[in-house]
């Protein structure tokens, strides 16, 4: 990915190949729909040159890379709350990687996003 100063999420998504754009759009929609249920005032933004959502602070970021999609839910509580569901995915501090050569778990991304929204409301 080129180091570009993205102004919008559409601009960010638009730099990727069509198959990755489709995945990013589905992640975007999943997060948006899930977060809107819990916190309708959440705002979609670009933060650290990645698509993100915020309300009372950052909720979640996501980004495409050469071989994976990164989800950045910010808190360590996510890994503990979803320990069994995240067992098959590579994780590091604040990062969950979903390989592009396997189906992306959109339902899990939605659950994590909702968890983060509820966490920020507390």
PDB file of N, CA and C in Angstrom:
ATOM      1  N   UNK A   1       0.848  -1.179   0.000  1.00  0.00           N
ATOM      2  CA  UNK A   1       0.000   0.000   0.000  1.00  0.00           C
ATOM      3  C   UNK A   1       0.890   1.237   0.000  1.00  0.00           C
ATOM      4  N   UNK A   2       0.585   2.117  -0.875  1.00  0.00           N
ATOM      5  CA  UNK A   2       1.338   3.368  -0.943  1.00  0.00           C
ATOM      6  C   UNK A   2       1.024   4.224   0.271  1.00  0.00           C
ATOM      7  N   UNK A   3       1.966   5.000   0.701  1.00  0.00           N
ATOM      8  CA  UNK A   3       1.756   5.914   1.815  1.00  0.00           C
ATOM      9  C   UNK A   3       1.027   7.146   1.276  1.00  0.00           C
ATOM     10  N   UNK A   4      -0.289   7.167   1.469  1.00  0.00           N
ATOM     11  CA  UNK A   4      -1.137   8.214   0.913  1.00  0.00           C
ATOM     12  C   UNK A   4      -1.901   8.883   2.044  1.00  0.00           C
ATOM     13  N   UNK A   5      -2.180  10.142   1.859  1.00  0.00           N
ATOM     14  CA  UNK A   5      -2.947  10.884   2.859  1.00  0.00           C
ATOM     15  C   UNK A   5      -4.432  10.781   2.518  1.00  0.00           C
ATOM     16  N   UNK A   6      -5.077   9.732   3.013  1.00  0.00           N
ATOM     17  CA  UNK A   6      -6.484   9.496   2.711  1.00  0.00           C
ATOM     18  C   UNK A   6      -7.373  10.490   3.435  1.00  0.00           C
ATOM     19  N   UNK A   7      -8.360  10.997   2.726  1.00  0.00           N
ATOM     20  CA  UNK A   7      -9.336  11.921   3.315  1.00  0.00           C
ATOM     21  C   UNK A   7     -10.650  11.217   3.648  1.00  0.00           C
ATOM     22  N   UNK A   8     -10.965  10.154   2.899  1.00  0.00           N
ATOM     23  CA  UNK A   8     -12.228   9.435   3.119  1.00  0.00           C
ATOM     24  C   UNK A   8     -11.989   7.930   3.104  1.00  0.00           C
ATOM     25  N   UNK A   9     -12.953   7.205   3.641  1.00  0.00           N
ATOM     26  CA  UNK A   9     -12.886   5.751   3.620  1.00  0.00           C
ATOM     27  C   UNK A   9     -13.007   5.245   2.185  1.00  0.00           C
ATOM     28  N   UNK A  10     -13.854   5.872   1.391  1.00  0.00           N
ATOM     29  CA  UNK A  10     -13.985   5.472  -0.017  1.00  0.00           C
ATOM     30  C   UNK A  10     -12.656   5.607  -0.754  1.00  0.00           C
ATOM     31  N   UNK A  11     -11.932   6.664  -0.477  1.00  0.00           N
ATOM     32  CA  UNK A  11     -10.618   6.886  -1.077  1.00  0.00           C
ATOM     33  C   UNK A  11      -9.658   5.758  -0.683  1.00  0.00           C
ATOM     34  N   UNK A  12      -9.680   5.392   0.591  1.00  0.00           N
ATOM     35  CA  UNK A  12      -8.831   4.305   1.085  1.00  0.00           C
ATOM     36  C   UNK A  12      -9.172   3.000   0.374  1.00  0.00           C
ATOM     37  N   UNK A  13     -10.441   2.638   0.389  1.00  0.00           N
ATOM     38  CA  UNK A  13     -10.870   1.369  -0.202  1.00  0.00           C
ATOM     39  C   UNK A  13     -10.560   1.332  -1.695  1.00  0.00           C
ATOM     40  N   UNK A  14     -10.678   2.464  -2.357  1.00  0.00           N
ATOM     41  CA  UNK A  14     -10.488   2.544  -3.794  1.00  0.00           C
ATOM     42  C   UNK A  14      -9.102   2.219  -4.308  1.00  0.00           C
ATOM     43  N   UNK A  15      -8.091   2.186  -3.455  1.00  0.00           N
ATOM     44  CA  UNK A  15      -6.733   1.898  -3.941  1.00  0.00           C
ATOM     45  C   UNK A  15      -6.443   0.406  -4.069  1.00  0.00           C
ATOM     46  N   UNK A  16      -7.357  -0.430  -3.569  1.00  0.00           N
ATOM     47  CA  UNK A  16      -7.105  -1.871  -3.546  1.00  0.00           C
ATOM     48  C   UNK A  16      -7.719  -2.568  -4.755  1.00  0.00           C
ATOM     49  N   UNK A  17      -7.229  -3.781  -5.060  1.00  0.00           N
ATOM     50  CA  UNK A  17      -7.847  -4.566  -6.137  1.00  0.00           C
ATOM     51  C   UNK A  17      -9.329  -4.822  -5.823  1.00  0.00           C
ATOM     52  N   UNK A  18     -10.094  -5.077  -6.848  1.00  0.00           N
ATOM     53  CA  UNK A  18     -11.542  -5.212  -6.709  1.00  0.00           C
ATOM     54  C   UNK A  18     -11.959  -6.266  -5.675  1.00  0.00           C
ATOM     55  N   UNK A  19     -11.267  -7.408  -5.641  1.00  0.00           N
ATOM     56  CA  UNK A  19     -11.650  -8.449  -4.680  1.00  0.00           C
ATOM     57  C   UNK A  19     -11.443  -7.983  -3.241  1.00  0.00           C
ATOM     58  N   UNK A  20     -10.387  -7.231  -2.987  1.00  0.00           N
ATOM     59  CA  UNK A  20     -10.120  -6.710  -1.642  1.00  0.00           C
ATOM     60  C   UNK A  20     -11.090  -5.573  -1.326  1.00  0.00           C
ATOM     61  N   UNK A  21     -11.419  -4.751  -2.327  1.00  0.00           N
ATOM     62  CA  UNK A  21     -12.414  -3.694  -2.119  1.00  0.00           C
ATOM     63  C   UNK A  21     -13.738  -4.286  -1.649  1.00  0.00           C
ATOM     64  N   UNK A  22     -14.130  -5.391  -2.260  1.00  0.00           N
ATOM     65  CA  UNK A  22     -15.394  -6.044  -1.882  1.00  0.00           C
ATOM     66  C   UNK A  22     -15.364  -6.467  -0.408  1.00  0.00           C
ATOM     67  N   UNK A  23     -14.262  -7.047   0.016  1.00  0.00           N
ATOM     68  CA  UNK A  23     -14.107  -7.470   1.417  1.00  0.00           C
ATOM     69  C   UNK A  23     -14.143  -6.251   2.341  1.00  0.00           C
ATOM     70  N   UNK A  24     -13.404  -5.209   1.986  1.00  0.00           N
ATOM     71  CA  UNK A  24     -13.377  -4.000   2.815  1.00  0.00           C
ATOM     72  C   UNK A  24     -14.762  -3.364   2.913  1.00  0.00           C
ATOM     73  N   UNK A  25     -15.494  -3.343   1.809  1.00  0.00           N
ATOM     74  CA  UNK A  25     -16.856  -2.775   1.842  1.00  0.00           C
ATOM     75  C   UNK A  25     -17.768  -3.604   2.739  1.00  0.00           C
ATOM     76  N   UNK A  26     -17.608  -4.923   2.692  1.00  0.00           N
ATOM     77  CA  UNK A  26     -18.437  -5.778   3.547  1.00  0.00           C
ATOM     78  C   UNK A  26     -18.066  -5.608   5.024  1.00  0.00           C
ATOM     79  N   UNK A  27     -16.785  -5.461   5.308  1.00  0.00           N
ATOM     80  CA  UNK A  27     -16.354  -5.191   6.684  1.00  0.00           C
ATOM     81  C   UNK A  27     -16.929  -3.846   7.137  1.00  0.00           C
ATOM     82  N   UNK A  28     -16.816  -2.858   6.294  1.00  0.00           N
ATOM     83  CA  UNK A  28     -17.339  -1.520   6.594  1.00  0.00           C
ATOM     84  C   UNK A  28     -18.827  -1.581   6.925  1.00  0.00           C
ATOM     85  N   UNK A  29     -19.582  -2.273   6.075  1.00  0.00           N
ATOM     86  CA  UNK A  29     -21.022  -2.385   6.283  1.00  0.00           C
ATOM     87  C   UNK A  29     -21.334  -3.163   7.554  1.00  0.00           C
ATOM     88  N   UNK A  30     -20.610  -4.247   7.785  1.00  0.00           N
ATOM     89  CA  UNK A  30     -20.812  -5.055   8.990  1.00  0.00           C
ATOM     90  C   UNK A  30     -20.581  -4.221  10.245  1.00  0.00           C
ATOM     91  N   UNK A  31     -19.460  -3.521  10.285  1.00  0.00           N
ATOM     92  CA  UNK A  31     -19.143  -2.699  11.455  1.00  0.00           C
ATOM     93  C   UNK A  31     -20.174  -1.588  11.610  1.00  0.00           C
ATOM     94  N   UNK A  32     -20.486  -0.927  10.523  1.00  0.00           N
ATOM     95  CA  UNK A  32     -21.422   0.196  10.558  1.00  0.00           C
ATOM     96  C   UNK A  32     -22.784  -0.247  11.094  1.00  0.00           C
ATOM     97  N   UNK A  33     -23.316  -1.329  10.543  1.00  0.00           N
ATOM     98  CA  UNK A  33     -24.629  -1.815  10.973  1.00  0.00           C
ATOM     99  C   UNK A  33     -24.606  -2.251  12.426  1.00  0.00           C
ATOM    100  N   UNK A  34     -23.555  -2.946  12.823  1.00  0.00           N
ATOM    101  CA  UNK A  34     -23.460  -3.444  14.198  1.00  0.00           C
ATOM    102  C   UNK A  34     -23.306  -2.303  15.191  1.00  0.00           C
ATOM    103  N   UNK A  35     -22.431  -1.373  14.892  1.00  0.00           N
ATOM    104  CA  UNK A  35     -22.188  -0.255  15.802  1.00  0.00           C
ATOM    105  C   UNK A  35     -23.419   0.655  15.864  1.00  0.00           C
ATOM    106  N   UNK A  36     -24.061   0.872  14.721  1.00  0.00           N
ATOM    107  CA  UNK A  36     -25.232   1.757  14.697  1.00  0.00           C
ATOM    108  C   UNK A  36     -26.332   1.250  15.622  1.00  0.00           C
ATOM    109  N   UNK A  37     -26.461  -0.081  15.773  1.00  0.00           N
ATOM    110  CA  UNK A  37     -27.443  -0.644  16.705  1.00  0.00           C
ATOM    111  C   UNK A  37     -27.156  -0.182  18.127  1.00  0.00           C
ATOM    112  N   UNK A  38     -25.898  -0.242  18.508  1.00  0.00           N
ATOM    113  CA  UNK A  38     -25.512   0.081  19.892  1.00  0.00           C
ATOM    114  C   UNK A  38     -25.323   1.582  20.100  1.00  0.00           C
ATOM    115  N   UNK A  39     -24.700   2.236  19.143  1.00  0.00           N
ATOM    116  CA  UNK A  39     -24.414   3.666  19.282  1.00  0.00           C
ATOM    117  C   UNK A  39     -24.667   4.373  17.951  1.00  0.00           C
ATOM    118  N   UNK A  40     -25.896   4.823  17.728  1.00  0.00           N
ATOM    119  CA  UNK A  40     -26.248   5.425  16.434  1.00  0.00           C
ATOM    120  C   UNK A  40     -25.422   6.656  16.058  1.00  0.00           C
ATOM    121  N   UNK A  41     -24.803   7.302  17.017  1.00  0.00           N
ATOM    122  CA  UNK A  41     -24.039   8.513  16.728  1.00  0.00           C
ATOM    123  C   UNK A  41     -22.572   8.253  16.387  1.00  0.00           C
ATOM    124  N   UNK A  42     -22.191   6.986  16.274  1.00  0.00           N
ATOM    125  CA  UNK A  42     -20.796   6.669  15.934  1.00  0.00           C
ATOM    126  C   UNK A  42     -20.448   7.274  14.574  1.00  0.00           C
ATOM    127  N   UNK A  43     -19.209   7.693  14.453  1.00  0.00           N
ATOM    128  CA  UNK A  43     -18.751   8.401  13.263  1.00  0.00           C
ATOM    129  C   UNK A  43     -17.675   7.584  12.544  1.00  0.00           C
ATOM    130  N   UNK A  44     -17.805   7.490  11.219  1.00  0.00           N
ATOM    131  CA  UNK A  44     -16.794   6.837  10.407  1.00  0.00           C
ATOM    132  C   UNK A  44     -15.712   7.863  10.079  1.00  0.00           C
ATOM    133  N   UNK A  45     -14.457   7.480  10.293  1.00  0.00           N
ATOM    134  CA  UNK A  45     -13.342   8.410  10.092  1.00  0.00           C
ATOM    135  C   UNK A  45     -12.142   7.671   9.501  1.00  0.00           C
ATOM    136  N   UNK A  46     -11.160   8.455   9.083  1.00  0.00           N
ATOM    137  CA  UNK A  46      -9.834   7.927   8.774  1.00  0.00           C
ATOM    138  C   UNK A  46      -8.954   8.310   9.959  1.00  0.00           C
ATOM    139  N   UNK A  47      -8.297   7.320  10.535  1.00  0.00           N
ATOM    140  CA  UNK A  47      -7.409   7.544  11.668  1.00  0.00           C
ATOM    141  C   UNK A  47      -6.167   6.676  11.458  1.00  0.00           C
ATOM    142  N   UNK A  48      -5.005   7.256  11.610  1.00  0.00           N
ATOM    143  CA  UNK A  48      -3.747   6.550  11.323  1.00  0.00           C
ATOM    144  C   UNK A  48      -3.766   6.000   9.893  1.00  0.00           C
ATOM    145  N   UNK A  49      -4.403   6.719   8.981  1.00  0.00           N
ATOM    146  CA  UNK A  49      -4.512   6.339   7.569  1.00  0.00           C
ATOM    147  C   UNK A  49      -5.251   5.022   7.351  1.00  0.00           C
ATOM    148  N   UNK A  50      -6.182   4.701   8.279  1.00  0.00           N
ATOM    149  CA  UNK A  50      -7.015   3.507   8.172  1.00  0.00           C
ATOM    150  C   UNK A  50      -8.460   3.894   8.424  1.00  0.00           C
ATOM    151  N   UNK A  51      -9.412   3.158   7.827  1.00  0.00           N
ATOM    152  CA  UNK A  51     -10.817   3.369   8.170  1.00  0.00           C
ATOM    153  C   UNK A  51     -11.046   3.011   9.639  1.00  0.00           C
ATOM    154  N   UNK A  52     -11.908   3.775  10.288  1.00  0.00           N
ATOM    155  CA  UNK A  52     -12.173   3.556  11.706  1.00  0.00           C
ATOM    156  C   UNK A  52     -13.548   4.106  12.055  1.00  0.00           C
ATOM    157  N   UNK A  53     -14.012   3.731  13.233  1.00  0.00           N
ATOM    158  CA  UNK A  53     -15.246   4.284  13.795  1.00  0.00           C
ATOM    159  C   UNK A  53     -14.927   4.789  15.193  1.00  0.00           C
ATOM    160  N   UNK A  54     -15.592   5.901  15.566  1.00  0.00           N
ATOM    161  CA  UNK A  54     -15.351   6.453  16.895  1.00  0.00           C
ATOM    162  C   UNK A  54     -16.636   6.999  17.507  1.00  0.00           C
ATOM    163  N   UNK A  55     -16.672   6.954  18.797  1.00  0.00           N
ATOM    164  CA  UNK A  55     -17.671   7.595  19.635  1.00  0.00           C
ATOM    165  C   UNK A  55     -17.158   7.473  21.062  1.00  0.00           C
ATOM    166  N   UNK A  56     -17.009   8.578  21.726  1.00  0.00           N
ATOM    167  CA  UNK A  56     -16.388   8.559  23.054  1.00  0.00           C
ATOM    168  C   UNK A  56     -15.001   7.914  22.967  1.00  0.00           C
ATOM    169  N   UNK A  57     -14.288   8.220  21.925  1.00  0.00           N
ATOM    170  CA  UNK A  57     -12.995   7.607  21.664  1.00  0.00           C
ATOM    171  C   UNK A  57     -13.100   6.644  20.495  1.00  0.00           C
ATOM    172  N   UNK A  58     -11.987   6.083  20.121  1.00  0.00           N
ATOM    173  CA  UNK A  58     -11.959   5.165  18.980  1.00  0.00           C
ATOM    174  C   UNK A  58     -12.595   3.840  19.362  1.00  0.00           C
ATOM    175  N   UNK A  59     -13.330   3.271  18.411  1.00  0.00           N
ATOM    176  CA  UNK A  59     -13.981   1.980  18.628  1.00  0.00           C
ATOM    177  C   UNK A  59     -13.188   0.847  17.976  1.00  0.00           C
ATOM    178  N   UNK A  60     -12.949   0.987  16.666  1.00  0.00           N
ATOM    179  CA  UNK A  60     -12.268  -0.066  15.927  1.00  0.00           C
ATOM    180  C   UNK A  60     -11.722   0.496  14.616  1.00  0.00           C
ATOM    181  N   UNK A  61     -10.559  -0.013  14.210  1.00  0.00           N
ATOM    182  CA  UNK A  61      -9.952   0.303  12.921  1.00  0.00           C
ATOM    183  C   UNK A  61      -9.916  -0.999  12.111  1.00  0.00           C
ATOM    184  N   UNK A  62      -9.795  -0.872  10.792  1.00  0.00           N
ATOM    185  CA  UNK A  62      -9.543  -2.041   9.948  1.00  0.00           C
ATOM    186  C   UNK A  62      -8.684  -1.593   8.771  1.00  0.00           C
ATOM    187  N   UNK A  63      -7.931  -2.530   8.224  1.00  0.00           N
ATOM    188  CA  UNK A  63      -7.038  -2.183   7.117  1.00  0.00           C
ATOM    189  C   UNK A  63      -6.712  -3.425   6.303  1.00  0.00           C
ATOM    190  N   UNK A  64      -6.438  -3.211   5.031  1.00  0.00           N
ATOM    191  CA  UNK A  64      -6.023  -4.299   4.154  1.00  0.00           C
ATOM    192  C   UNK A  64      -4.510  -4.263   3.993  1.00  0.00           C
ATOM    193  N   UNK A  65      -3.938  -5.438   3.962  1.00  0.00           N
ATOM    194  CA  UNK A  65      -2.508  -5.595   3.746  1.00  0.00           C
ATOM    195  C   UNK A  65      -2.317  -6.612   2.634  1.00  0.00           C
ATOM    196  N   UNK A  66      -1.102  -6.906   2.291  1.00  0.00           N
ATOM    197  CA  UNK A  66      -0.822  -7.776   1.147  1.00  0.00           C
ATOM    198  C   UNK A  66      -1.490  -9.149   1.283  1.00  0.00           C
ATOM    199  N   UNK A  67      -1.445  -9.741   2.482  1.00  0.00           N
ATOM    200  CA  UNK A  67      -1.955 -11.104   2.657  1.00  0.00           C
ATOM    201  C   UNK A  67      -3.049 -11.233   3.716  1.00  0.00           C
ATOM    202  N   UNK A  68      -3.438 -10.117   4.323  1.00  0.00           N
ATOM    203  CA  UNK A  68      -4.451 -10.224   5.366  1.00  0.00           C
ATOM    204  C   UNK A  68      -5.232  -8.916   5.525  1.00  0.00           C
ATOM    205  N   UNK A  69      -6.310  -9.034   6.265  1.00  0.00           N
ATOM    206  CA  UNK A  69      -7.068  -7.875   6.735  1.00  0.00           C
ATOM    207  C   UNK A  69      -6.749  -7.753   8.218  1.00  0.00           C
ATOM    208  N   UNK A  70      -6.392  -6.567   8.645  1.00  0.00           N
ATOM    209  CA  UNK A  70      -6.127  -6.332  10.053  1.00  0.00           C
ATOM    210  C   UNK A  70      -7.328  -5.659  10.699  1.00  0.00           C
ATOM    211  N   UNK A  71      -7.712  -6.154  11.851  1.00  0.00           N
ATOM    212  CA  UNK A  71      -8.754  -5.531  12.666  1.00  0.00           C
ATOM    213  C   UNK A  71      -8.077  -5.080  13.940  1.00  0.00           C
ATOM    214  N   UNK A  72      -8.317  -3.832  14.300  1.00  0.00           N
ATOM    215  CA  UNK A  72      -7.624  -3.235  15.443  1.00  0.00           C
ATOM    216  C   UNK A  72      -8.676  -2.722  16.427  1.00  0.00           C
ATOM    217  N   UNK A  73      -9.109  -3.593  17.339  1.00  0.00           N
ATOM    218  CA  UNK A  73     -10.175  -3.202  18.263  1.00  0.00           C
ATOM    219  C   UNK A  73      -9.707  -2.449  19.504  1.00  0.00           C
ATOM    220  N   UNK A  74      -8.465  -2.143  19.613  1.00  0.00           N
ATOM    221  CA  UNK A  74      -7.899  -1.260  20.630  1.00  0.00           C
ATOM    222  C   UNK A  74      -7.696  -1.882  22.004  1.00  0.00           C
ATOM    223  N   UNK A  75      -8.620  -2.670  22.523  1.00  0.00           N
ATOM    224  CA  UNK A  75      -8.463  -3.132  23.901  1.00  0.00           C
ATOM    225  C   UNK A  75      -8.125  -4.614  24.003  1.00  0.00           C
ATOM    226  N   UNK A  76      -7.415  -4.949  25.054  1.00  0.00           N
ATOM    227  CA  UNK A  76      -7.066  -6.344  25.321  1.00  0.00           C
ATOM    228  C   UNK A  76      -8.293  -7.141  25.741  1.00  0.00           C
ATOM    229  N   UNK A  77      -9.330  -6.466  26.201  1.00  0.00           N
ATOM    230  CA  UNK A  77     -10.556  -7.144  26.626  1.00  0.00           C
ATOM    231  C   UNK A  77     -11.205  -7.928  25.512  1.00  0.00           C
ATOM    232  N   UNK A  78     -11.004  -7.503  24.286  1.00  0.00           N
ATOM    233  CA  UNK A  78     -11.586  -8.200  23.137  1.00  0.00           C
ATOM    234  C   UNK A  78     -11.033  -9.610  23.038  1.00  0.00           C
ATOM    235  N   UNK A  79      -9.721  -9.734  23.162  1.00  0.00           N
ATOM    236  CA  UNK A  79      -9.119 -11.059  23.041  1.00  0.00           C
ATOM    237  C   UNK A  79      -9.631 -12.002  24.131  1.00  0.00           C
ATOM    238  N   UNK A  80      -9.798 -11.507  25.336  1.00  0.00           N
ATOM    239  CA  UNK A  80     -10.320 -12.335  26.418  1.00  0.00           C
ATOM    240  C   UNK A  80     -11.787 -12.678  26.192  1.00  0.00           C
ATOM    241  N   UNK A  81     -12.586 -11.715  25.745  1.00  0.00           N
ATOM    242  CA  UNK A  81     -14.021 -11.919  25.549  1.00  0.00           C
ATOM    243  C   UNK A  81     -14.321 -12.882  24.399  1.00  0.00           C
ATOM    244  N   UNK A  82     -13.447 -12.927  23.414  1.00  0.00           N
ATOM    245  CA  UNK A  82     -13.682 -13.754  22.227  1.00  0.00           C
ATOM    246  C   UNK A  82     -12.602 -14.817  22.052  1.00  0.00           C
ATOM    247  N   UNK A  83     -12.040 -15.253  23.154  1.00  0.00           N
ATOM    248  CA  UNK A  83     -10.897 -16.163  23.130  1.00  0.00           C
ATOM    249  C   UNK A  83     -11.141 -17.388  22.257  1.00  0.00           C
ATOM    250  N   UNK A  84     -12.255 -18.074  22.427  1.00  0.00           N
ATOM    251  CA  UNK A  84     -12.486 -19.299  21.654  1.00  0.00           C
ATOM    252  C   UNK A  84     -12.733 -18.992  20.178  1.00  0.00           C
ATOM    253  N   UNK A  85     -13.444 -17.912  19.880  1.00  0.00           N
ATOM    254  CA  UNK A  85     -13.738 -17.560  18.493  1.00  0.00           C
ATOM    255  C   UNK A  85     -12.501 -17.058  17.747  1.00  0.00           C
ATOM    256  N   UNK A  86     -11.527 -16.528  18.471  1.00  0.00           N
ATOM    257  CA  UNK A  86     -10.305 -16.009  17.857  1.00  0.00           C
ATOM    258  C   UNK A  86      -9.175 -17.039  17.809  1.00  0.00           C
ATOM    259  N   UNK A  87      -9.446 -18.242  18.306  1.00  0.00           N
ATOM    260  CA  UNK A  87      -8.391 -19.251  18.447  1.00  0.00           C
ATOM    261  C   UNK A  87      -7.648 -19.541  17.140  1.00  0.00           C
ATOM    262  N   UNK A  88      -8.300 -19.516  16.007  1.00  0.00           N
ATOM    263  CA  UNK A  88      -7.645 -19.871  14.756  1.00  0.00           C
ATOM    264  C   UNK A  88      -7.001 -18.715  14.012  1.00  0.00           C
ATOM    265  N   UNK A  89      -6.963 -17.542  14.621  1.00  0.00           N
ATOM    266  CA  UNK A  89      -6.445 -16.359  13.932  1.00  0.00           C
ATOM    267  C   UNK A  89      -5.170 -15.844  14.592  1.00  0.00           C
ATOM    268  N   UNK A  90      -4.296 -15.282  13.767  1.00  0.00           N
ATOM    269  CA  UNK A  90      -3.079 -14.684  14.293  1.00  0.00           C
ATOM    270  C   UNK A  90      -3.439 -13.400  15.030  1.00  0.00           C
ATOM    271  N   UNK A  91      -2.879 -13.252  16.218  1.00  0.00           N
ATOM    272  CA  UNK A  91      -3.159 -12.080  17.044  1.00  0.00           C
ATOM    273  C   UNK A  91      -1.856 -11.545  17.619  1.00  0.00           C
ATOM    274  N   UNK A  92      -1.842 -10.251  17.831  1.00  0.00           N
ATOM    275  CA  UNK A  92      -0.783  -9.619  18.599  1.00  0.00           C
ATOM    276  C   UNK A  92      -1.449  -8.470  19.336  1.00  0.00           C
ATOM    277  N   UNK A  93      -0.724  -7.766  20.126  1.00  0.00           N
ATOM    278  CA  UNK A  93      -1.307  -6.722  20.963  1.00  0.00           C
ATOM    279  C   UNK A  93      -2.183  -5.757  20.143  1.00  0.00           C
ATOM    280  N   UNK A  94      -3.489  -5.823  20.373  1.00  0.00           N
ATOM    281  CA  UNK A  94      -4.420  -4.919  19.716  1.00  0.00           C
ATOM    282  C   UNK A  94      -4.693  -5.203  18.256  1.00  0.00           C
ATOM    283  N   UNK A  95      -4.234  -6.352  17.744  1.00  0.00           N
ATOM    284  CA  UNK A  95      -4.378  -6.680  16.324  1.00  0.00           C
ATOM    285  C   UNK A  95      -4.910  -8.094  16.150  1.00  0.00           C
ATOM    286  N   UNK A  96      -5.837  -8.234  15.216  1.00  0.00           N
ATOM    287  CA  UNK A  96      -6.318  -9.547  14.800  1.00  0.00           C
ATOM    288  C   UNK A  96      -6.142  -9.595  13.283  1.00  0.00           C
ATOM    289  N   UNK A  97      -5.525 -10.665  12.789  1.00  0.00           N
ATOM    290  CA  UNK A  97      -5.277 -10.791  11.348  1.00  0.00           C
ATOM    291  C   UNK A  97      -6.169 -11.873  10.759  1.00  0.00           C
ATOM    292  N   UNK A  98      -6.873 -11.501   9.675  1.00  0.00           N
ATOM    293  CA  UNK A  98      -7.706 -12.436   8.935  1.00  0.00           C
ATOM    294  C   UNK A  98      -7.072 -12.630   7.566  1.00  0.00           C
ATOM    295  N   UNK A  99      -6.571 -13.821   7.302  1.00  0.00           N
ATOM    296  CA  UNK A  99      -5.876 -14.123   6.058  1.00  0.00           C
ATOM    297  C   UNK A  99      -6.803 -13.944   4.866  1.00  0.00           C
ATOM    298  N   UNK A 100      -6.281 -13.345   3.803  1.00  0.00           N
ATOM    299  CA  UNK A 100      -7.075 -13.128   2.591  1.00  0.00           C
ATOM    300  C   UNK A 100      -7.328 -14.413   1.802  1.00  0.00           C
ATOM    301  N   UNK A 101      -6.619 -15.487   2.132  1.00  0.00           N
ATOM    302  CA  UNK A 101      -6.861 -16.732   1.410  1.00  0.00           C
ATOM    303  C   UNK A 101      -7.869 -17.637   2.122  1.00  0.00           C
ATOM    304  N   UNK A 102      -8.541 -17.102   3.144  1.00  0.00           N
ATOM    305  CA  UNK A 102      -9.592 -17.828   3.871  1.00  0.00           C
ATOM    306  C   UNK A 102     -10.804 -16.917   3.987  1.00  0.00           C
ATOM    307  N   UNK A 103     -11.985 -17.508   4.215  1.00  0.00           N
ATOM    308  CA  UNK A 103     -13.177 -16.663   4.380  1.00  0.00           C
ATOM    309  C   UNK A 103     -13.019 -15.697   5.567  1.00  0.00           C
ATOM    310  N   UNK A 104     -13.419 -14.463   5.361  1.00  0.00           N
ATOM    311  CA  UNK A 104     -13.352 -13.454   6.420  1.00  0.00           C
ATOM    312  C   UNK A 104     -14.572 -13.648   7.332  1.00  0.00           C
ATOM    313  N   UNK A 105     -14.368 -13.720   8.653  1.00  0.00           N
ATOM    314  CA  UNK A 105     -15.480 -13.957   9.586  1.00  0.00           C
ATOM    315  C   UNK A 105     -16.256 -12.664   9.902  1.00  0.00           C
ATOM    316  N   UNK A 106     -17.108 -12.266   8.978  1.00  0.00           N
ATOM    317  CA  UNK A 106     -17.838 -11.007   9.132  1.00  0.00           C
ATOM    318  C   UNK A 106     -18.691 -10.991  10.402  1.00  0.00           C
ATOM    319  N   UNK A 107     -19.303 -12.135  10.743  1.00  0.00           N
ATOM    320  CA  UNK A 107     -20.115 -12.187  11.970  1.00  0.00           C
ATOM    321  C   UNK A 107     -19.263 -11.887  13.196  1.00  0.00           C
ATOM    322  N   UNK A 108     -18.078 -12.447  13.244  1.00  0.00           N
ATOM    323  CA  UNK A 108     -17.170 -12.207  14.369  1.00  0.00           C
ATOM    324  C   UNK A 108     -16.739 -10.740  14.405  1.00  0.00           C
ATOM    325  N   UNK A 109     -16.460 -10.166  13.254  1.00  0.00           N
ATOM    326  CA  UNK A 109     -16.099  -8.748  13.194  1.00  0.00           C
ATOM    327  C   UNK A 109     -17.250  -7.899  13.738  1.00  0.00           C
ATOM    328  N   UNK A 110     -18.477  -8.272  13.397  1.00  0.00           N
ATOM    329  CA  UNK A 110     -19.641  -7.569  13.924  1.00  0.00           C
ATOM    330  C   UNK A 110     -19.749  -7.682  15.438  1.00  0.00           C
ATOM    331  N   UNK A 111     -19.546  -8.879  15.957  1.00  0.00           N
ATOM    332  CA  UNK A 111     -19.617  -9.088  17.413  1.00  0.00           C
ATOM    333  C   UNK A 111     -18.553  -8.268  18.141  1.00  0.00           C
ATOM    334  N   UNK A 112     -17.342  -8.270  17.599  1.00  0.00           N
ATOM    335  CA  UNK A 112     -16.254  -7.508  18.214  1.00  0.00           C
ATOM    336  C   UNK A 112     -16.562  -6.016  18.174  1.00  0.00           C
ATOM    337  N   UNK A 113     -17.100  -5.547  17.064  1.00  0.00           N
ATOM    338  CA  UNK A 113     -17.448  -4.124  16.923  1.00  0.00           C
ATOM    339  C   UNK A 113     -18.520  -3.729  17.928  1.00  0.00           C
ATOM    340  N   UNK A 114     -19.525  -4.575  18.080  1.00  0.00           N
ATOM    341  CA  UNK A 114     -20.592  -4.292  19.047  1.00  0.00           C
ATOM    342  C   UNK A 114     -20.027  -4.271  20.476  1.00  0.00           C
ATOM    343  N   UNK A 115     -19.165  -5.222  20.762  1.00  0.00           N
ATOM    344  CA  UNK A 115     -18.518  -5.278  22.076  1.00  0.00           C
ATOM    345  C   UNK A 115     -17.775  -3.973  22.365  1.00  0.00           C
ATOM    346  N   UNK A 116     -17.009  -3.498  21.370  1.00  0.00           N
ATOM    347  CA  UNK A 116     -16.248  -2.252  21.539  1.00  0.00           C
ATOM    348  C   UNK A 116     -17.171  -1.055  21.723  1.00  0.00           C
ATOM    349  N   UNK A 117     -18.278  -1.010  20.974  1.00  0.00           N
ATOM    350  CA  UNK A 117     -19.227   0.094  21.113  1.00  0.00           C
ATOM    351  C   UNK A 117     -19.811   0.108  22.516  1.00  0.00           C
ATOM    352  N   UNK A 118     -20.216  -1.062  23.004  1.00  0.00           N
ATOM    353  CA  UNK A 118     -20.789  -1.133  24.347  1.00  0.00           C
ATOM    354  C   UNK A 118     -19.736  -0.799  25.391  1.00  0.00           C
ATOM    355  N   UNK A 119     -18.497  -1.226  25.152  1.00  0.00           N
ATOM    356  CA  UNK A 119     -17.394  -0.931  26.063  1.00  0.00           C
ATOM    357  C   UNK A 119     -17.178   0.594  26.151  1.00  0.00           C
ATOM    358  N   UNK A 120     -17.215   1.276  25.026  1.00  0.00           N
ATOM    359  CA  UNK A 120     -17.013   2.729  25.029  1.00  0.00           C
ATOM    360  C   UNK A 120     -18.174   3.483  25.670  1.00  0.00           C
ATOM    361  N   UNK A 121     -19.341   2.896  25.651  1.00  0.00           N
ATOM    362  CA  UNK A 121     -20.487   3.561  26.287  1.00  0.00           C
ATOM    363  C   UNK A 121     -20.419   3.501  27.809  1.00  0.00           C
ATOM    364  N   UNK A 122     -19.708   2.495  28.338  1.00  0.00           N
ATOM    365  CA  UNK A 122     -19.611   2.368  29.808  1.00  0.00           C
ATOM    366  C   UNK A 122     -18.662   3.389  30.383  1.00  0.00           C
TER     367      UNK A 122
END
